[in-house]
PDB file of N, CA and C in Angstrom:
ATOM      1  N   MET A   1       0.850  -1.181   0.000  1.00  0.00           N
ATOM      2  CA  MET A   1       0.000   0.000   0.000  1.00  0.00           C
ATOM      3  C   MET A   1       0.896   1.245   0.000  1.00  0.00           C
ATOM      4  N   SER A   2       0.635   2.152  -0.892  1.00  0.00           N
ATOM      5  CA  SER A   2       1.447   3.366  -0.982  1.00  0.00           C
ATOM      6  C   SER A   2       0.924   4.424  -0.007  1.00  0.00           C
ATOM      7  N   PRO A   3       1.809   5.305   0.462  1.00  0.00           N
ATOM      8  CA  PRO A   3       1.381   6.358   1.387  1.00  0.00           C
ATOM      9  C   PRO A   3       0.456   7.354   0.693  1.00  0.00           C
ATOM     10  N   ALA A   4      -0.370   8.009   1.486  1.00  0.00           N
ATOM     11  CA  ALA A   4      -1.282   9.026   0.947  1.00  0.00           C
ATOM     12  C   ALA A   4      -0.468  10.194   0.406  1.00  0.00           C
ATOM     13  N   PRO A   5      -0.922  10.809  -0.682  1.00  0.00           N
ATOM     14  CA  PRO A   5      -0.169  11.939  -1.247  1.00  0.00           C
ATOM     15  C   PRO A   5      -0.264  13.176  -0.359  1.00  0.00           C
ATOM     16  N   LEU A   6       0.780  13.988  -0.399  1.00  0.00           N
ATOM     17  CA  LEU A   6       0.780  15.259   0.323  1.00  0.00           C
ATOM     18  C   LEU A   6       0.126  16.348  -0.510  1.00  0.00           C
ATOM     19  N   TYR A   7       0.291  16.262  -1.835  1.00  0.00           N
ATOM     20  CA  TYR A   7      -0.260  17.236  -2.766  1.00  0.00           C
ATOM     21  C   TYR A   7      -0.951  16.510  -3.907  1.00  0.00           C
ATOM     22  N   VAL A   8      -1.976  17.154  -4.446  1.00  0.00           N
ATOM     23  CA  VAL A   8      -2.738  16.627  -5.573  1.00  0.00           C
ATOM     24  C   VAL A   8      -2.847  17.737  -6.606  1.00  0.00           C
ATOM     25  N   ARG A   9      -2.700  17.380  -7.867  1.00  0.00           N
ATOM     26  CA  ARG A   9      -2.871  18.380  -8.918  1.00  0.00           C
ATOM     27  C   ARG A   9      -4.322  18.857  -8.939  1.00  0.00           C
ATOM     28  N   VAL A  10      -4.516  20.132  -9.258  1.00  0.00           N
ATOM     29  CA  VAL A  10      -5.867  20.708  -9.314  1.00  0.00           C
ATOM     30  C   VAL A  10      -6.737  19.929 -10.296  1.00  0.00           C
ATOM     31  N   VAL A  11      -6.174  19.492 -11.408  1.00  0.00           N
ATOM     32  CA  VAL A  11      -6.974  18.746 -12.395  1.00  0.00           C
ATOM     33  C   VAL A  11      -7.470  17.422 -11.830  1.00  0.00           C
ATOM     34  N   ASP A  12      -6.863  16.933 -10.749  1.00  0.00           N
ATOM     35  CA  ASP A  12      -7.301  15.693 -10.110  1.00  0.00           C
ATOM     36  C   ASP A  12      -8.177  15.940  -8.888  1.00  0.00           C
ATOM     37  N   SER A  13      -8.630  17.158  -8.685  1.00  0.00           N
ATOM     38  CA  SER A  13      -9.401  17.487  -7.480  1.00  0.00           C
ATOM     39  C   SER A  13     -10.759  16.798  -7.438  1.00  0.00           C
ATOM     40  N   GLN A  14     -11.402  16.612  -8.581  1.00  0.00           N
ATOM     41  CA  GLN A  14     -12.732  15.996  -8.554  1.00  0.00           C
ATOM     42  C   GLN A  14     -12.688  14.537  -8.107  1.00  0.00           C
ATOM     43  N   PRO A  15     -11.830  13.694  -8.673  1.00  0.00           N
ATOM     44  CA  PRO A  15     -11.815  12.318  -8.185  1.00  0.00           C
ATOM     45  C   PRO A  15     -11.289  12.181  -6.752  1.00  0.00           C
ATOM     46  N   VAL A  16     -10.430  13.082  -6.318  1.00  0.00           N
ATOM     47  CA  VAL A  16      -9.854  12.976  -4.979  1.00  0.00           C
ATOM     48  C   VAL A  16     -10.769  13.581  -3.920  1.00  0.00           C
ATOM     49  N   PHE A  17     -11.269  14.793  -4.159  1.00  0.00           N
ATOM     50  CA  PHE A  17     -12.064  15.503  -3.156  1.00  0.00           C
ATOM     51  C   PHE A  17     -13.551  15.591  -3.487  1.00  0.00           C
ATOM     52  N   GLY A  18     -13.932  15.260  -4.710  1.00  0.00           N
ATOM     53  CA  GLY A  18     -15.327  15.402  -5.119  1.00  0.00           C
ATOM     54  C   GLY A  18     -15.687  16.846  -5.412  1.00  0.00           C
ATOM     55  N   ILE A  19     -14.688  17.664  -5.750  1.00  0.00           N
ATOM     56  CA  ILE A  19     -14.889  19.093  -5.996  1.00  0.00           C
ATOM     57  C   ILE A  19     -14.338  19.422  -7.375  1.00  0.00           C
ATOM     58  N   HIS A  20     -15.150  20.050  -8.197  1.00  0.00           N
ATOM     59  CA  HIS A  20     -14.726  20.398  -9.561  1.00  0.00           C
ATOM     60  C   HIS A  20     -13.593  21.415  -9.511  1.00  0.00           C
ATOM     61  N   ARG A  21     -12.689  21.338 -10.485  1.00  0.00           N
ATOM     62  CA  ARG A  21     -11.535  22.247 -10.479  1.00  0.00           C
ATOM     63  C   ARG A  21     -11.947  23.708 -10.591  1.00  0.00           C
ATOM     64  N   ALA A  22     -13.071  24.012 -11.236  1.00  0.00           N
ATOM     65  CA  ALA A  22     -13.533  25.404 -11.308  1.00  0.00           C
ATOM     66  C   ALA A  22     -13.871  25.925  -9.909  1.00  0.00           C
ATOM     67  N   THR A  23     -14.438  25.072  -9.082  1.00  0.00           N
ATOM     68  CA  THR A  23     -14.742  25.453  -7.703  1.00  0.00           C
ATOM     69  C   THR A  23     -13.450  25.702  -6.929  1.00  0.00           C
ATOM     70  N   VAL A  24     -12.453  24.856  -7.157  1.00  0.00           N
ATOM     71  CA  VAL A  24     -11.149  25.035  -6.498  1.00  0.00           C
ATOM     72  C   VAL A  24     -10.562  26.393  -6.865  1.00  0.00           C
ATOM     73  N   TYR A  25     -10.606  26.746  -8.141  1.00  0.00           N
ATOM     74  CA  TYR A  25     -10.066  28.038  -8.569  1.00  0.00           C
ATOM     75  C   TYR A  25     -10.874  29.205  -7.987  1.00  0.00           C
ATOM     76  N   ARG A  26     -12.192  29.066  -7.863  1.00  0.00           N
ATOM     77  CA  ARG A  26     -13.012  30.120  -7.233  1.00  0.00           C
ATOM     78  C   ARG A  26     -12.633  30.282  -5.767  1.00  0.00           C
ATOM     79  N   TRP A  27     -12.475  29.174  -5.064  1.00  0.00           N
ATOM     80  CA  TRP A  27     -12.099  29.236  -3.653  1.00  0.00           C
ATOM     81  C   TRP A  27     -10.734  29.883  -3.487  1.00  0.00           C
ATOM     82  N   ALA A  28      -9.806  29.558  -4.380  1.00  0.00           N
ATOM     83  CA  ALA A  28      -8.466  30.150  -4.311  1.00  0.00           C
ATOM     84  C   ALA A  28      -8.533  31.660  -4.587  1.00  0.00           C
ATOM     85  N   ALA A  29      -9.336  32.065  -5.579  1.00  0.00           N
ATOM     86  CA  ALA A  29      -9.479  33.490  -5.905  1.00  0.00           C
ATOM     87  C   ALA A  29     -10.085  34.261  -4.732  1.00  0.00           C
ATOM     88  N   ALA A  30     -10.942  33.594  -3.958  1.00  0.00           N
ATOM     89  CA  ALA A  30     -11.562  34.227  -2.791  1.00  0.00           C
ATOM     90  C   ALA A  30     -10.639  34.200  -1.572  1.00  0.00           C
ATOM     91  N   GLY A  31      -9.474  33.557  -1.696  1.00  0.00           N
ATOM     92  CA  GLY A  31      -8.529  33.497  -0.592  1.00  0.00           C
ATOM     93  C   GLY A  31      -8.839  32.434   0.445  1.00  0.00           C
ATOM     94  N   LEU A  32      -9.706  31.493   0.108  1.00  0.00           N
ATOM     95  CA  LEU A  32     -10.097  30.455   1.062  1.00  0.00           C
ATOM     96  C   LEU A  32      -9.107  29.298   1.117  1.00  0.00           C
ATOM     97  N   ILE A  33      -8.462  29.016   0.009  1.00  0.00           N
ATOM     98  CA  ILE A  33      -7.444  27.965  -0.069  1.00  0.00           C
ATOM     99  C   ILE A  33      -6.288  28.488  -0.900  1.00  0.00           C
ATOM    100  N   ARG A  34      -5.177  27.763  -0.877  1.00  0.00           N
ATOM    101  CA  ARG A  34      -4.014  28.144  -1.675  1.00  0.00           C
ATOM    102  C   ARG A  34      -3.767  27.109  -2.763  1.00  0.00           C
ATOM    103  N   ILE A  35      -3.360  27.595  -3.917  1.00  0.00           N
ATOM    104  CA  ILE A  35      -2.898  26.734  -4.992  1.00  0.00           C
ATOM    105  C   ILE A  35      -1.395  26.950  -5.085  1.00  0.00           C
ATOM    106  N   HIS A  36      -0.654  25.873  -5.017  1.00  0.00           N
ATOM    107  CA  HIS A  36       0.803  25.924  -5.069  1.00  0.00           C
ATOM    108  C   HIS A  36       1.233  25.657  -6.504  1.00  0.00           C
ATOM    109  N   LYS A  37       2.000  26.574  -7.078  1.00  0.00           N
ATOM    110  CA  LYS A  37       2.444  26.455  -8.470  1.00  0.00           C
ATOM    111  C   LYS A  37       3.897  26.016  -8.529  1.00  0.00           C
ATOM    112  N   ARG A  38       4.166  25.083  -9.432  1.00  0.00           N
ATOM    113  CA  ARG A  38       5.527  24.659  -9.768  1.00  0.00           C
ATOM    114  C   ARG A  38       5.557  24.566 -11.282  1.00  0.00           C
ATOM    115  N   GLY A  39       6.177  25.553 -11.894  1.00  0.00           N
ATOM    116  CA  GLY A  39       6.147  25.617 -13.355  1.00  0.00           C
ATOM    117  C   GLY A  39       4.712  25.806 -13.819  1.00  0.00           C
ATOM    118  N   SER A  40       4.265  24.965 -14.718  1.00  0.00           N
ATOM    119  CA  SER A  40       2.889  25.084 -15.218  1.00  0.00           C
ATOM    120  C   SER A  40       1.914  24.200 -14.438  1.00  0.00           C
ATOM    121  N   ALA A  41       2.403  23.471 -13.449  1.00  0.00           N
ATOM    122  CA  ALA A  41       1.547  22.581 -12.669  1.00  0.00           C
ATOM    123  C   ALA A  41       0.992  23.305 -11.448  1.00  0.00           C
ATOM    124  N   SER A  42      -0.257  23.013 -11.130  1.00  0.00           N
ATOM    125  CA  SER A  42      -0.927  23.595  -9.970  1.00  0.00           C
ATOM    126  C   SER A  42      -1.289  22.472  -9.004  1.00  0.00           C
ATOM    127  N   PHE A  43      -0.934  22.663  -7.735  1.00  0.00           N
ATOM    128  CA  PHE A  43      -1.142  21.627  -6.739  1.00  0.00           C
ATOM    129  C   PHE A  43      -1.956  22.144  -5.559  1.00  0.00           C
ATOM    130  N   LEU A  44      -2.661  21.216  -4.910  1.00  0.00           N
ATOM    131  CA  LEU A  44      -3.388  21.493  -3.676  1.00  0.00           C
ATOM    132  C   LEU A  44      -2.774  20.660  -2.569  1.00  0.00           C
ATOM    133  N   SER A  45      -2.651  21.242  -1.412  1.00  0.00           N
ATOM    134  CA  SER A  45      -2.212  20.491  -0.242  1.00  0.00           C
ATOM    135  C   SER A  45      -3.389  19.657   0.245  1.00  0.00           C
ATOM    136  N   VAL A  46      -3.198  18.362   0.347  1.00  0.00           N
ATOM    137  CA  VAL A  46      -4.268  17.475   0.807  1.00  0.00           C
ATOM    138  C   VAL A  46      -4.679  17.839   2.228  1.00  0.00           C
ATOM    139  N   ALA A  47      -3.713  18.112   3.091  1.00  0.00           N
ATOM    140  CA  ALA A  47      -4.019  18.473   4.480  1.00  0.00           C
ATOM    141  C   ALA A  47      -4.827  19.774   4.550  1.00  0.00           C
ATOM    142  N   GLU A  48      -4.439  20.767   3.751  1.00  0.00           N
ATOM    143  CA  GLU A  48      -5.163  22.045   3.746  1.00  0.00           C
ATOM    144  C   GLU A  48      -6.591  21.860   3.236  1.00  0.00           C
ATOM    145  N   MET A  49      -6.741  21.080   2.176  1.00  0.00           N
ATOM    146  CA  MET A  49      -8.085  20.826   1.632  1.00  0.00           C
ATOM    147  C   MET A  49      -8.944  20.084   2.651  1.00  0.00           C
ATOM    148  N   LYS A  50      -8.358  19.120   3.327  1.00  0.00           N
ATOM    149  CA  LYS A  50      -9.103  18.371   4.348  1.00  0.00           C
ATOM    150  C   LYS A  50      -9.581  19.314   5.450  1.00  0.00           C
ATOM    151  N   ARG A  51      -8.686  20.183   5.935  1.00  0.00           N
ATOM    152  CA  ARG A  51      -9.081  21.148   6.975  1.00  0.00           C
ATOM    153  C   ARG A  51     -10.180  22.075   6.470  1.00  0.00           C
ATOM    154  N   PHE A  52     -10.051  22.573   5.230  1.00  0.00           N
ATOM    155  CA  PHE A  52     -11.053  23.486   4.688  1.00  0.00           C
ATOM    156  C   PHE A  52     -12.405  22.797   4.564  1.00  0.00           C
ATOM    157  N   ILE A  53     -12.407  21.610   3.995  1.00  0.00           N
ATOM    158  CA  ILE A  53     -13.657  20.873   3.798  1.00  0.00           C
ATOM    159  C   ILE A  53     -14.320  20.555   5.131  1.00  0.00           C
ATOM    160  N   GLU A  54     -13.518  20.262   6.147  1.00  0.00           N
ATOM    161  CA  GLU A  54     -14.056  19.947   7.454  1.00  0.00           C
ATOM    162  C   GLU A  54     -14.345  21.182   8.305  1.00  0.00           C
ATOM    163  N   GLY A  55     -14.092  22.372   7.753  1.00  0.00           N
ATOM    164  CA  GLY A  55     -14.432  23.612   8.440  1.00  0.00           C
ATOM    165  C   GLY A  55     -13.400  24.087   9.442  1.00  0.00           C
ATOM    166  N   GLU A  56     -12.148  23.666   9.267  1.00  0.00           N
ATOM    167  CA  GLU A  56     -11.097  24.040  10.210  1.00  0.00           C
ATOM    168  C   GLU A  56     -10.037  24.908   9.547  1.00  0.00           C
ATOM    169  N   GLN A  57     -10.394  25.710   8.548  1.00  0.00           N
ATOM    170  CA  GLN A  57      -9.396  26.427   7.737  1.00  0.00           C
ATOM    171  C   GLN A  57      -8.530  27.392   8.514  1.00  0.00           C
ATOM    172  N   GLY A  58      -8.963  27.939   9.620  1.00  0.00           N
ATOM    173  CA  GLY A  58      -8.147  28.901  10.340  1.00  0.00           C
ATOM    174  C   GLY A  58      -7.281  28.300  11.422  1.00  0.00           C
ATOM    175  N   GLU A  59      -7.384  26.979  11.621  1.00  0.00           N
ATOM    176  CA  GLU A  59      -6.698  26.337  12.721  1.00  0.00           C
ATOM    177  C   GLU A  59      -5.481  25.565  12.238  1.00  0.00           C
ATOM    178  N   GLU A  60      -4.508  25.402  13.100  1.00  0.00           N
ATOM    179  CA  GLU A  60      -3.318  24.616  12.791  1.00  0.00           C
ATOM    180  C   GLU A  60      -3.616  23.150  13.019  1.00  0.00           C
ATOM    181  N   ALA A  61      -3.000  22.299  12.218  1.00  0.00           N
ATOM    182  CA  ALA A  61      -3.209  20.854  12.366  1.00  0.00           C
ATOM    183  C   ALA A  61      -2.355  20.297  13.466  1.00  0.00           C
TER     184      ALA A  61
END
């Protein structure tokens, strides 16, 4: 069994989180989550998304 990923590409957000990538970009534009860029790739922190989805966005893990 492989370890859980730390980051997921935005294009993979729907199968991983059940959230369409357009919603992810809207949330990022509103400052609710961060998108991490490396070159042309855009990534989401799995831990940050989990906290946001569970309503803990302002708290430390």
